[in-house]
Amino acid sequence: MRSLSSTGFAIFGAALVAISYGLARFAFGLFVPQIRDELSLTPDAIGIIGALPLISFLLSTAVAPYATDRLGARYAAVLSGLFGIVGLALISRAADATMLSIGVFACGICTGLMMPALTAGMQALVRRSLHARVSSVMNAGTSIGVIVAVPTVLFMADAWRLAYLSFALLTVIGVCATWLYLPSVSRITPSNAADPPALRELPWSRLVRLTLFSYAMGFISAAYWIFAPDLVVTLGGLSPSATGWLWLAVGIAGLGGAVVADLADRNNPPITQALMLTMLAASLALLAASPAQPVLAAFSALVFGLAYMSLTGLYLMTGIRLLPGRLAMGPVLPFMAVSLGQATGSPVIGALLNVFSYAEGFAIFASIGILVALLSPLYPGHIHQVGDEEVEDPPGLQSAYDLQLQNEAGEPLEDPEYLAGEDPRDEPTTGLEHSHKEERG
């Protein structure tokens, strides 16, 4: 394995996320107008096919922590990349809905396996005091991947098969780089870390509320991810190449989502969630109201990208905070709920568009978003009850990561390198080729 600094690991991880999330998963909606026309697909068929990668993402995410523990970060990421190559290649050669469905299903597996593998590598190689920074950079890879997909639409508007073939070739390069740079290490739990709380001691009420809000946001956002480009082509009469500007705006605005999510967590999460959900609903309504005006359509994409990425970041932080000591489940739970919502919302919006117009279908989903935003005071904030006392969790993404591992006193477990006064530069750790938990001294 070749050495990577923490900065290098963050950039490398962002590149892999760009491929597995941005290209393999979220780029599909960008090509819906061309794919629909060439394969003669109806809106409800597109809705069902659009749900398949989300279903496979859920299934693969459920087993990804175990796969990573058994295979190690390198082999789990390589497996993810191989599914991506197969899926993207199948999409590029799709002659009917069946072949297209198999391709997008394989792409969903690629997406679900990648982040747990990268997280395992990060936990082994990057100091815990830098986990928030590295994680934010890697999560930005989704927006980067969406942006990378844009030129293929602008310059190859009628060549979606060639575009997907180019995505497959990029994934091949990513797999080769993964073999060289990612360690074959599983998650490592320090010997002085306290055991995670028993299941009966978990804040189940807060976890259920987080899951429901994450699900609802995923349900609402499915309309934009799958059908926004098709809406501006069908209802607005814009050319298929013009849809690239939508995704460019989504990607650019999404880059600021991590910053907004961290600021939201530091201030008032319920109020911020209400604001972001309202913005998400507004982006749907604005696009449906002005699909023929490129400037307003692009503005709606900016609003959507910022709101979506901010909400996913906020849910990520809350999930990590509510599940200390459970390194695999904390980041995964809200993402699974979001994907389940998208998998449900995609066929629902497809069925609505078969019955109503695009404007009416998007208006219905926007109304649902407003209703969910009104329930935001129920969102789990920082304060939770311990006996008769109120305890406030430190805000921010880094504090959420700090609280993942605690000592017996319930305090954040600090980096041994930092405590020893060693060089804070984050050089890769050696000799970590097997998953283990050290014996307590």
Protein backbone atom coordinates (compact mmCIF):
# COMPACT_ATOMS: atom_id res chain seq x y z
CA MET A 1 0.00 0.00 0.00
CA ARG A 2 1.29 3.47 -0.88
CA SER A 3 1.29 6.16 1.80
CA LEU A 4 -1.32 8.91 1.99
CA SER A 5 -1.38 11.90 4.33
CA SER A 6 -4.71 12.84 5.90
CA THR A 7 -5.17 15.52 3.23
CA GLY A 8 -4.35 13.02 0.51
CA PHE A 9 -6.76 10.49 2.02
CA ALA A 10 -9.53 13.10 2.10
CA ILE A 11 -9.02 14.00 -1.58
CA PHE A 12 -8.73 10.34 -2.55
CA GLY A 13 -11.92 9.50 -0.65
CA ALA A 14 -13.76 12.42 -2.26
CA ALA A 15 -12.78 11.11 -5.70
CA LEU A 16 -14.14 7.64 -4.92
CA VAL A 17 -17.36 9.13 -3.49
CA ALA A 18 -17.68 11.27 -6.63
CA ILE A 19 -17.63 8.10 -8.73
CA SER A 20 -19.81 5.89 -6.53
CA TYR A 21 -22.38 8.51 -5.45
CA GLY A 22 -22.25 11.29 -8.04
CA LEU A 23 -21.81 9.24 -11.21
CA ALA A 24 -23.16 5.78 -10.35
CA ARG A 25 -26.21 6.97 -8.42
CA PHE A 26 -27.29 10.60 -8.84
CA ALA A 27 -26.32 11.13 -12.49
CA PHE A 28 -29.19 8.90 -13.65
CA GLY A 29 -31.82 11.64 -13.44
CA LEU A 30 -29.70 13.82 -15.70
CA PHE A 31 -30.08 11.34 -18.57
CA VAL A 32 -33.75 10.42 -18.02
CA PRO A 33 -35.06 12.48 -21.01
CA GLN A 34 -32.71 10.76 -23.47
CA ILE A 35 -33.10 7.28 -21.95
CA ARG A 36 -36.91 7.64 -21.81
CA ASP A 37 -37.14 8.59 -25.47
CA GLU A 38 -34.75 5.94 -26.80
CA LEU A 39 -36.18 3.05 -24.75
CA SER A 40 -39.81 4.31 -24.92
CA LEU A 41 -40.32 4.32 -21.14
CA THR A 42 -43.34 5.79 -19.34
CA PRO A 43 -43.01 8.03 -16.24
CA ASP A 44 -44.15 5.26 -13.89
CA ALA A 45 -41.57 2.88 -15.41
CA ILE A 46 -38.87 5.51 -14.91
CA GLY A 47 -40.04 5.94 -11.32
CA ILE A 48 -39.73 2.21 -10.62
CA ILE A 49 -36.32 1.97 -12.30
CA GLY A 50 -35.17 5.06 -10.40
CA ALA A 51 -36.08 3.32 -7.14
CA LEU A 52 -33.98 0.22 -7.87
CA PRO A 53 -30.54 1.71 -7.09
CA LEU A 54 -31.98 3.07 -3.86
CA ILE A 55 -33.28 -0.37 -2.88
CA SER A 56 -29.94 -2.00 -3.69
CA PHE A 57 -28.20 0.80 -1.78
CA LEU A 58 -30.30 -0.06 1.27
CA LEU A 59 -29.52 -3.76 1.00
CA SER A 60 -25.79 -3.24 0.48
CA THR A 61 -25.58 -0.62 3.22
CA ALA A 62 -27.16 -3.08 5.67
CA VAL A 63 -24.38 -5.62 5.05
CA ALA A 64 -21.56 -3.15 4.30
CA PRO A 65 -20.26 -2.89 7.90
CA TYR A 66 -19.97 -6.67 8.12
CA ALA A 67 -18.45 -6.92 4.65
CA THR A 68 -15.90 -4.27 5.57
CA ASP A 69 -15.01 -6.07 8.80
CA ARG A 70 -14.57 -9.36 6.96
CA LEU A 71 -12.88 -8.11 3.79
CA GLY A 72 -11.10 -5.01 5.03
CA ALA A 73 -11.36 -1.50 3.62
CA ARG A 74 -9.37 -2.16 0.44
CA TYR A 75 -11.23 -5.26 -0.73
CA ALA A 76 -14.64 -3.85 0.22
CA ALA A 77 -13.93 -0.69 -1.81
CA VAL A 78 -12.64 -2.74 -4.74
CA LEU A 79 -15.80 -4.86 -4.61
CA SER A 80 -17.83 -1.65 -4.62
CA GLY A 81 -15.94 -0.43 -7.68
CA LEU A 82 -16.46 -3.70 -9.53
CA PHE A 83 -20.22 -3.44 -9.04
CA GLY A 84 -19.99 0.13 -10.33
CA ILE A 85 -18.10 -0.94 -13.45
CA VAL A 86 -20.61 -3.69 -14.22
CA GLY A 87 -23.61 -1.45 -13.56
CA LEU A 88 -22.38 1.50 -15.61
CA ALA A 89 -21.34 -0.77 -18.48
CA LEU A 90 -24.77 -2.44 -18.50
CA ILE A 91 -26.52 0.94 -18.57
CA SER A 92 -24.36 2.03 -21.51
CA ARG A 93 -25.43 -1.11 -23.42
CA ALA A 94 -29.07 -1.23 -22.24
CA ALA A 95 -31.45 -2.30 -25.00
CA ASP A 96 -34.57 -2.46 -22.84
CA ALA A 97 -35.94 -1.69 -19.39
CA THR A 98 -34.74 -5.02 -17.93
CA MET A 99 -31.07 -4.47 -18.79
CA LEU A 100 -31.30 -0.86 -17.62
CA SER A 101 -32.82 -2.03 -14.33
CA ILE A 102 -30.03 -4.53 -13.69
CA GLY A 103 -27.45 -1.83 -14.39
CA VAL A 104 -28.89 0.76 -12.02
CA PHE A 105 -29.40 -1.94 -9.35
CA ALA A 106 -25.68 -2.82 -9.53
CA CYS A 107 -24.80 0.87 -9.27
CA GLY A 108 -26.78 1.10 -6.04
CA ILE A 109 -24.71 -1.74 -4.55
CA CYS A 110 -21.56 0.17 -5.53
CA THR A 111 -22.81 3.23 -3.66
CA GLY A 112 -23.79 1.33 -0.51
CA LEU A 113 -20.45 -0.44 -0.10
CA MET A 114 -18.13 2.51 -0.72
CA MET A 115 -18.60 4.86 2.24
CA PRO A 116 -18.30 2.20 4.98
CA ALA A 117 -15.05 1.03 3.37
CA LEU A 118 -13.68 4.58 3.26
CA THR A 119 -14.81 5.21 6.83
CA ALA A 120 -12.94 2.11 7.99
CA GLY A 121 -9.81 3.33 6.25
CA MET A 122 -10.22 6.79 7.78
CA GLN A 123 -10.62 5.40 11.29
CA ALA A 124 -7.40 3.43 10.90
CA LEU A 125 -5.22 6.03 9.20
CA VAL A 126 -6.48 9.47 10.21
CA ARG A 127 -6.28 11.00 13.66
CA ARG A 128 -9.66 11.29 15.35
CA SER A 129 -9.17 15.05 15.75
CA LEU A 130 -9.25 15.29 11.93
CA HIS A 131 -12.17 12.95 11.27
CA ALA A 132 -14.70 15.77 10.82
CA ARG A 133 -12.51 17.63 8.33
CA VAL A 134 -11.69 14.52 6.32
CA SER A 135 -15.31 13.32 6.39
CA SER A 136 -16.58 16.70 5.16
CA VAL A 137 -14.17 16.63 2.22
CA MET A 138 -15.17 13.05 1.33
CA ASN A 139 -18.88 13.84 1.57
CA ALA A 140 -18.33 16.75 -0.83
CA GLY A 141 -17.42 14.11 -3.40
CA THR A 142 -21.13 13.60 -4.12
CA SER A 143 -21.43 17.17 -5.37
CA ILE A 144 -18.16 16.85 -7.27
CA GLY A 145 -19.44 13.74 -9.05
CA VAL A 146 -22.67 15.52 -9.99
CA ILE A 147 -20.61 18.40 -11.41
CA VAL A 148 -18.36 16.01 -13.35
CA ALA A 149 -21.43 14.49 -15.02
CA VAL A 150 -22.49 17.88 -16.39
CA PRO A 151 -20.03 18.19 -19.32
CA THR A 152 -21.17 14.83 -20.65
CA VAL A 153 -24.69 16.23 -21.05
CA LEU A 154 -23.56 19.59 -22.40
CA PHE A 155 -21.31 18.09 -25.06
CA MET A 156 -22.88 14.66 -25.54
CA ALA A 157 -26.58 15.44 -25.20
CA ASP A 158 -27.58 12.65 -27.58
CA ALA A 159 -24.86 10.19 -26.56
CA TRP A 160 -25.90 8.97 -23.11
CA ARG A 161 -24.47 5.52 -23.84
CA LEU A 162 -21.04 6.99 -24.49
CA ALA A 163 -21.38 9.09 -21.32
CA TYR A 164 -22.05 6.00 -19.19
CA LEU A 165 -19.20 4.15 -20.86
CA SER A 166 -16.89 7.03 -19.88
CA PHE A 167 -18.20 6.77 -16.31
CA ALA A 168 -17.34 3.06 -16.34
CA LEU A 169 -13.78 3.83 -17.49
CA LEU A 170 -13.39 6.39 -14.68
CA THR A 171 -14.53 3.71 -12.23
CA VAL A 172 -11.87 1.33 -13.56
CA ILE A 173 -9.25 3.99 -12.77
CA GLY A 174 -10.79 4.39 -9.31
CA VAL A 175 -10.56 0.65 -8.62
CA CYS A 176 -6.89 0.60 -9.60
CA ALA A 177 -6.17 3.55 -7.31
CA THR A 178 -8.10 1.86 -4.50
CA TRP A 179 -5.87 -1.21 -4.76
CA LEU A 180 -2.78 0.98 -4.47
CA TYR A 181 -3.79 3.47 -1.77
CA LEU A 182 -6.45 2.00 0.51
CA PRO A 183 -5.26 -0.28 3.35
CA SER A 184 -6.67 -3.77 3.80
CA VAL A 185 -7.63 -2.90 7.36
CA SER A 186 -10.93 -3.22 9.16
CA ARG A 187 -12.21 -0.93 11.87
CA ILE A 188 -10.00 -0.80 14.95
CA THR A 189 -11.41 -0.10 18.41
CA PRO A 190 -8.83 1.25 20.89
CA SER A 191 -8.25 -0.88 23.98
CA ASN A 192 -9.23 1.94 26.36
CA ALA A 193 -12.59 2.65 24.67
CA ALA A 194 -15.68 1.91 26.71
CA ASP A 195 -18.16 -0.60 25.38
CA PRO A 196 -21.16 0.97 23.59
CA PRO A 197 -24.36 1.40 25.64
CA ALA A 198 -26.72 -1.54 25.77
CA LEU A 199 -29.55 -1.48 23.24
CA ARG A 200 -32.13 -0.81 25.94
CA GLU A 201 -30.19 2.33 26.98
CA LEU A 202 -30.24 3.92 23.52
CA PRO A 203 -32.39 7.07 23.05
CA TRP A 204 -34.97 5.21 20.99
CA SER A 205 -37.48 8.07 20.85
CA ARG A 206 -34.86 10.39 19.36
CA LEU A 207 -33.63 7.71 16.97
CA VAL A 208 -37.16 7.06 15.70
CA ARG A 209 -37.74 10.77 15.14
CA LEU A 210 -34.43 11.10 13.28
CA THR A 211 -35.32 8.11 11.11
CA LEU A 212 -38.78 9.46 10.27
CA PHE A 213 -37.49 12.91 9.33
CA SER A 214 -34.69 11.38 7.23
CA TYR A 215 -37.21 9.15 5.48
CA ALA A 216 -39.55 12.06 4.77
CA MET A 217 -36.74 14.19 3.33
CA GLY A 218 -35.66 11.32 1.07
CA PHE A 219 -39.25 10.81 -0.08
CA ILE A 220 -39.66 14.48 -1.03
CA SER A 221 -36.26 14.80 -2.73
CA ALA A 222 -36.89 11.78 -4.99
CA ALA A 223 -39.04 13.92 -7.29
CA TYR A 224 -36.16 16.29 -8.02
CA TRP A 225 -33.40 13.69 -8.34
CA ILE A 226 -35.32 11.51 -10.79
CA PHE A 227 -37.65 13.83 -12.70
CA ALA A 228 -36.32 17.43 -12.56
CA PRO A 229 -34.43 17.18 -15.88
CA ASP A 230 -37.39 15.45 -17.53
CA LEU A 231 -39.71 18.18 -16.24
CA VAL A 232 -37.79 21.05 -17.87
CA VAL A 233 -37.59 19.10 -21.16
CA THR A 234 -41.21 17.88 -21.22
CA LEU A 235 -43.01 20.82 -19.60
CA GLY A 236 -40.57 23.64 -20.30
CA GLY A 237 -39.54 22.66 -23.81
CA LEU A 238 -35.82 23.07 -23.06
CA SER A 239 -33.23 20.98 -24.91
CA PRO A 240 -31.81 17.90 -23.15
CA SER A 241 -28.38 19.54 -23.03
CA ALA A 242 -29.82 22.42 -20.97
CA THR A 243 -30.54 20.01 -18.11
CA GLY A 244 -26.79 19.88 -17.46
CA TRP A 245 -26.99 23.37 -15.97
CA LEU A 246 -29.47 22.07 -13.39
CA TRP A 247 -27.06 19.47 -12.12
CA LEU A 248 -24.16 21.94 -12.22
CA ALA A 249 -26.14 24.24 -9.93
CA VAL A 250 -27.07 21.33 -7.64
CA GLY A 251 -23.43 20.27 -7.38
CA ILE A 252 -22.04 23.76 -6.75
CA ALA A 253 -24.61 24.57 -4.07
CA GLY A 254 -24.14 21.13 -2.53
CA LEU A 255 -20.48 21.91 -1.84
CA GLY A 256 -21.62 24.38 0.80
CA GLY A 257 -23.93 21.85 2.42
CA ALA A 258 -21.29 20.52 4.83
CA VAL A 259 -20.56 24.03 6.13
CA VAL A 260 -24.24 24.86 6.54
CA ALA A 261 -24.90 21.53 8.29
CA ASP A 262 -22.10 22.16 10.79
CA LEU A 263 -23.38 25.69 11.47
CA ALA A 264 -26.91 24.31 11.84
CA ASP A 265 -25.76 21.75 14.39
CA ARG A 266 -24.03 24.51 16.35
CA ASN A 267 -27.14 26.67 16.54
CA ASN A 268 -30.67 25.26 16.48
CA PRO A 269 -31.07 21.98 14.54
CA PRO A 270 -34.91 21.87 14.65
CA ILE A 271 -35.28 25.42 13.30
CA THR A 272 -32.59 24.89 10.68
CA GLN A 273 -34.21 21.65 9.57
CA ALA A 274 -37.52 23.48 9.18
CA LEU A 275 -35.81 26.14 7.06
CA MET A 276 -33.99 23.62 4.87
CA LEU A 277 -37.09 21.47 4.35
CA THR A 278 -39.00 24.59 3.35
CA MET A 279 -36.24 25.44 0.86
CA LEU A 280 -36.39 21.88 -0.49
CA ALA A 281 -40.15 22.19 -1.03
CA ALA A 282 -39.70 25.64 -2.56
CA SER A 283 -37.20 24.28 -5.09
CA LEU A 284 -39.79 21.76 -6.31
CA ALA A 285 -42.53 24.40 -6.56
CA LEU A 286 -40.26 26.92 -8.29
CA LEU A 287 -39.13 24.40 -10.90
CA ALA A 288 -42.69 23.31 -11.62
CA ALA A 289 -43.82 26.95 -11.92
CA SER A 290 -41.07 28.11 -14.28
CA PRO A 291 -39.59 25.15 -16.20
CA ALA A 292 -39.23 27.17 -19.41
CA GLN A 293 -37.05 29.85 -17.78
CA PRO A 294 -33.45 28.55 -17.51
CA VAL A 295 -32.37 31.14 -14.94
CA LEU A 296 -35.20 30.36 -12.50
CA ALA A 297 -34.79 26.62 -13.10
CA ALA A 298 -31.08 26.89 -12.30
CA PHE A 299 -31.91 28.93 -9.18
CA SER A 300 -34.29 26.19 -8.03
CA ALA A 301 -31.41 23.71 -8.48
CA LEU A 302 -29.13 25.89 -6.33
CA VAL A 303 -31.76 25.96 -3.59
CA PHE A 304 -32.31 22.20 -3.85
CA GLY A 305 -28.60 21.35 -3.78
CA LEU A 306 -27.91 23.48 -0.71
CA ALA A 307 -30.98 22.22 1.16
CA TYR A 308 -30.44 18.54 0.32
CA MET A 309 -26.74 18.40 1.19
CA SER A 310 -27.28 20.46 4.36
CA LEU A 311 -30.02 18.13 5.57
CA THR A 312 -28.05 14.96 4.86
CA GLY A 313 -25.08 16.46 6.75
CA LEU A 314 -27.28 17.39 9.69
CA TYR A 315 -28.83 13.92 9.82
CA LEU A 316 -25.36 12.36 9.63
CA MET A 317 -24.20 14.36 12.67
CA THR A 318 -27.31 13.53 14.67
CA GLY A 319 -26.99 9.81 13.89
CA ILE A 320 -23.34 9.75 14.98
CA ARG A 321 -24.18 11.63 18.17
CA LEU A 322 -27.09 9.39 19.16
CA LEU A 323 -25.12 6.14 18.71
CA PRO A 324 -21.79 6.56 20.55
CA GLY A 325 -19.49 3.56 20.34
CA ARG A 326 -21.32 2.12 17.33
CA LEU A 327 -18.94 3.20 14.59
CA ALA A 328 -20.77 1.28 11.87
CA MET A 329 -24.37 2.28 12.61
CA GLY A 330 -24.11 5.97 13.55
CA PRO A 331 -23.39 7.31 10.05
CA VAL A 332 -25.40 4.60 8.28
CA LEU A 333 -28.80 4.84 9.98
CA PRO A 334 -29.91 8.24 8.60
CA PHE A 335 -28.54 7.50 5.13
CA MET A 336 -30.52 4.26 5.03
CA ALA A 337 -33.66 6.15 6.04
CA VAL A 338 -33.08 8.80 3.35
CA SER A 339 -32.56 6.11 0.71
CA LEU A 340 -35.67 4.23 1.82
CA GLY A 341 -37.62 7.45 1.44
CA GLN A 342 -36.21 7.99 -2.05
CA ALA A 343 -36.93 4.37 -3.01
CA THR A 344 -40.55 4.93 -1.92
CA GLY A 345 -40.90 8.40 -3.38
CA SER A 346 -39.55 7.55 -6.82
CA PRO A 347 -42.36 5.17 -7.91
CA VAL A 348 -44.95 7.37 -6.17
CA ILE A 349 -43.98 10.49 -8.11
CA GLY A 350 -43.80 8.37 -11.28
CA ALA A 351 -47.35 7.14 -10.71
CA LEU A 352 -48.56 10.68 -9.99
CA LEU A 353 -47.03 11.95 -13.22
CA ASN A 354 -48.89 9.25 -15.10
CA VAL A 355 -52.18 10.59 -13.72
CA PHE A 356 -51.52 14.30 -13.24
CA SER A 357 -49.25 16.82 -14.95
CA TYR A 358 -45.63 17.42 -13.95
CA ALA A 359 -46.61 20.69 -12.30
CA GLU A 360 -49.33 19.04 -10.20
CA GLY A 361 -47.12 16.10 -9.18
CA PHE A 362 -44.28 18.37 -8.06
CA ALA A 363 -46.76 20.65 -6.25
CA ILE A 364 -48.08 17.67 -4.26
CA PHE A 365 -44.54 16.72 -3.17
CA ALA A 366 -43.76 20.36 -2.30
CA SER A 367 -46.88 20.46 -0.10
CA ILE A 368 -45.72 17.32 1.71
CA GLY A 369 -42.37 19.03 2.31
CA ILE A 370 -44.07 22.04 3.93
CA LEU A 371 -46.14 19.78 6.18
CA VAL A 372 -43.02 17.90 7.35
CA ALA A 373 -41.21 21.21 7.94
CA LEU A 374 -44.01 22.25 10.32
CA LEU A 375 -43.21 19.18 12.44
CA SER A 376 -39.55 20.16 12.83
CA PRO A 377 -39.86 21.13 16.53
CA LEU A 378 -39.95 17.36 17.10
CA TYR A 379 -36.48 16.96 15.52
CA PRO A 380 -33.96 15.64 18.11
CA GLY A 381 -31.69 18.53 19.08
CA HIS A 382 -28.72 18.48 21.41
CA ILE A 383 -30.41 18.39 24.80
CA HIS A 384 -31.43 15.02 26.21
CA GLN A 385 -32.61 13.89 29.60
CA VAL A 386 -30.46 12.01 32.09
CA GLY A 387 -32.54 11.44 35.18
CA ASP A 388 -33.91 14.83 36.16
CA GLU A 389 -31.02 16.76 34.68
CA GLU A 390 -30.58 18.23 31.24
CA VAL A 391 -27.29 17.52 29.53
CA GLU A 392 -26.27 19.42 26.44
CA ASP A 393 -24.10 17.73 23.83
CA PRO A 394 -21.26 19.82 22.36
CA PRO A 395 -22.30 20.92 18.86
CA GLY A 396 -20.46 20.50 15.58
CA LEU A 397 -19.33 17.62 13.41
CA GLN A 398 -15.99 17.09 15.15
CA SER A 399 -17.65 16.83 18.56
CA ALA A 400 -20.03 14.24 17.09
CA TYR A 401 -17.02 12.18 15.96
CA ASP A 402 -15.27 12.76 19.30
CA LEU A 403 -18.25 11.27 21.14
CA GLN A 404 -18.20 8.12 19.02
CA LEU A 405 -15.45 6.69 21.22
CA GLN A 406 -15.65 7.34 24.96
CA ASN A 407 -13.76 6.23 28.03
CA GLU A 408 -15.33 4.57 31.05
CA ALA A 409 -16.29 7.99 32.45
CA GLY A 410 -18.27 8.83 29.32
CA GLU A 411 -15.77 11.42 28.12
CA PRO A 412 -14.43 11.60 24.55
CA LEU A 413 -11.45 9.32 23.98
CA GLU A 414 -8.50 11.43 22.88
CA ASP A 415 -5.81 10.61 20.36
CA PRO A 416 -2.84 8.88 22.01
CA GLU A 417 -0.46 10.64 19.59
CA TYR A 418 -1.80 14.00 20.69
CA LEU A 419 -1.54 13.15 24.37
CA ALA A 420 2.03 12.00 23.94
CA GLY A 421 2.93 15.28 22.24
CA GLU A 422 3.97 13.57 19.03
CA ASP A 423 4.07 15.12 15.59
CA PRO A 424 0.44 15.88 14.67
CA ARG A 425 1.03 15.15 11.01
CA ASP A 426 -1.12 12.24 10.08
CA GLU A 427 1.13 9.66 8.48
CA PRO A 428 -0.44 6.32 7.60
CA THR A 429 -0.31 3.69 10.29
CA THR A 430 1.53 0.49 9.51
CA GLY A 431 0.90 -3.04 10.59
CA LEU A 432 -2.89 -2.69 10.59
CA GLU A 433 -3.72 -5.50 8.21
CA HIS A 434 -6.30 -7.21 10.41
CA SER A 435 -9.32 -6.08 12.38
CA HIS A 436 -8.91 -6.44 16.11
CA LYS A 437 -9.84 -5.06 19.48
CA GLU A 438 -6.96 -4.93 21.91
CA GLU A 439 -7.25 -6.51 25.32
CA ARG A 440 -8.00 -4.06 28.08
CA GLY A 441 -5.01 -3.48 30.33
